[in-house]
Protein backbone atom coordinates (compact mmCIF):
# COMPACT_ATOMS: atom_id res chain seq x y z
CA UNK A 1 7.76 -26.32 10.87
CA UNK A 2 4.25 -25.24 11.75
CA UNK A 3 2.52 -22.22 10.29
CA UNK A 4 3.22 -19.20 12.46
CA UNK A 5 0.35 -16.94 13.51
CA UNK A 6 1.65 -13.94 11.57
CA UNK A 7 2.10 -15.96 8.38
CA UNK A 8 -1.45 -17.29 8.63
CA UNK A 9 -2.74 -13.75 9.20
CA UNK A 10 -0.88 -12.48 6.13
CA UNK A 11 -2.42 -15.27 4.04
CA UNK A 12 -5.95 -14.53 5.29
CA UNK A 13 -5.64 -10.80 4.63
CA UNK A 14 -4.13 -11.37 1.18
CA UNK A 15 -7.00 -13.72 0.29
CA UNK A 16 -9.51 -11.00 1.23
CA UNK A 17 -7.91 -8.86 -1.48
CA UNK A 18 -7.71 -11.72 -3.98
CA UNK A 19 -3.95 -12.10 -3.63
CA UNK A 20 -1.40 -14.54 -2.28
CA UNK A 21 1.23 -13.81 0.33
CA UNK A 22 4.49 -13.08 -1.45
CA UNK A 23 7.46 -11.68 0.42
CA UNK A 24 9.53 -11.29 -2.72
CA UNK A 25 7.40 -8.48 -4.10
CA UNK A 26 9.25 -5.19 -3.95
CA UNK A 27 8.64 -1.61 -4.94
CA UNK A 28 11.88 0.31 -4.82
CA UNK A 29 13.71 -0.83 -1.70
CA UNK A 30 10.53 -1.82 0.13
CA UNK A 31 9.29 -5.40 0.47
CA UNK A 32 5.54 -5.64 0.92
CA UNK A 33 2.95 -8.34 1.57
CA UNK A 34 0.18 -7.24 -0.82
CA UNK A 35 -1.16 -4.37 -2.88
CA UNK A 36 -4.20 -2.47 -1.61
CA UNK A 37 -5.74 -0.17 -4.22
CA UNK A 38 -2.40 -0.25 -6.02
CA UNK A 39 -0.42 0.72 -2.92
CA UNK A 40 2.11 -1.61 -1.27
CA UNK A 41 0.95 -2.72 2.19
CA UNK A 42 2.37 -4.79 5.03
CA UNK A 43 0.37 -6.91 7.46
CA UNK A 44 1.58 -6.66 11.05
CA UNK A 45 0.55 -8.92 13.94
CA UNK A 46 0.87 -7.86 17.58
CA UNK A 47 -0.20 -9.56 20.79
CA UNK A 48 -2.38 -6.57 21.58
CA UNK A 49 -3.50 -3.34 19.95
CA UNK A 50 -3.49 -0.38 22.36
CA UNK A 51 -6.85 0.22 24.01
CA UNK A 52 -6.82 3.92 23.17
CA UNK A 53 -6.56 3.03 19.49
CA UNK A 54 -9.47 0.59 19.50
CA UNK A 55 -11.53 3.07 21.57
CA UNK A 56 -10.90 5.79 18.98
CA UNK A 57 -11.98 3.44 16.18
CA UNK A 58 -15.09 2.44 18.12
CA UNK A 59 -16.30 6.05 18.01
CA UNK A 60 -15.23 6.96 14.45
CA UNK A 61 -14.54 4.76 11.41
CA UNK A 62 -11.40 6.70 10.44
CA UNK A 63 -8.91 8.33 12.79
CA UNK A 64 -6.21 10.70 11.54
CA UNK A 65 -3.16 10.95 13.81
CA UNK A 66 -0.92 13.97 13.78
CA UNK A 67 2.17 14.51 15.91
CA UNK A 68 3.66 17.74 17.09
CA UNK A 69 5.84 19.38 14.42
CA UNK A 70 4.68 16.89 11.78
CA UNK A 71 3.80 18.14 8.34
CA UNK A 72 0.10 17.66 7.66
CA UNK A 73 0.96 15.38 4.72
CA UNK A 74 2.77 13.03 7.14
CA UNK A 75 -0.33 12.42 9.28
CA UNK A 76 -1.26 8.77 9.73
CA UNK A 77 -4.69 7.33 8.90
CA UNK A 78 -6.03 4.39 10.88
CA UNK A 79 -9.16 2.40 10.11
CA UNK A 80 -10.54 -1.10 10.50
CA UNK A 81 -10.07 -3.51 7.61
CA UNK A 82 -13.84 -3.70 7.06
CA UNK A 83 -13.94 0.10 6.64
CA UNK A 84 -11.25 -0.08 3.97
CA UNK A 85 -13.14 -2.87 2.21
CA UNK A 86 -16.29 -0.70 2.20
CA UNK A 87 -14.36 2.20 0.73
CA UNK A 88 -12.92 -0.05 -1.97
CA UNK A 89 -16.38 -1.58 -2.52
CA UNK A 90 -15.28 -5.17 -1.78
């Protein structure tokens, strides 16, 4: 069976963080692909990322999303991988 696109992506991202793809890693009940700054992370592949999201990231390196009635602590942070690598000094 050939290597699927999402598996190849997971391997490439893991290599950038000096790790190997391992689906058997767990923390609590959560399976994750790699650790980023000690935090479990999953790599997701989609055919397309919404244009509004890429436009927001083109104007600012970090975008914080907050939904109506959400607690501030539950806001979501979005950034490009290269921005995260700069923050982590990689």
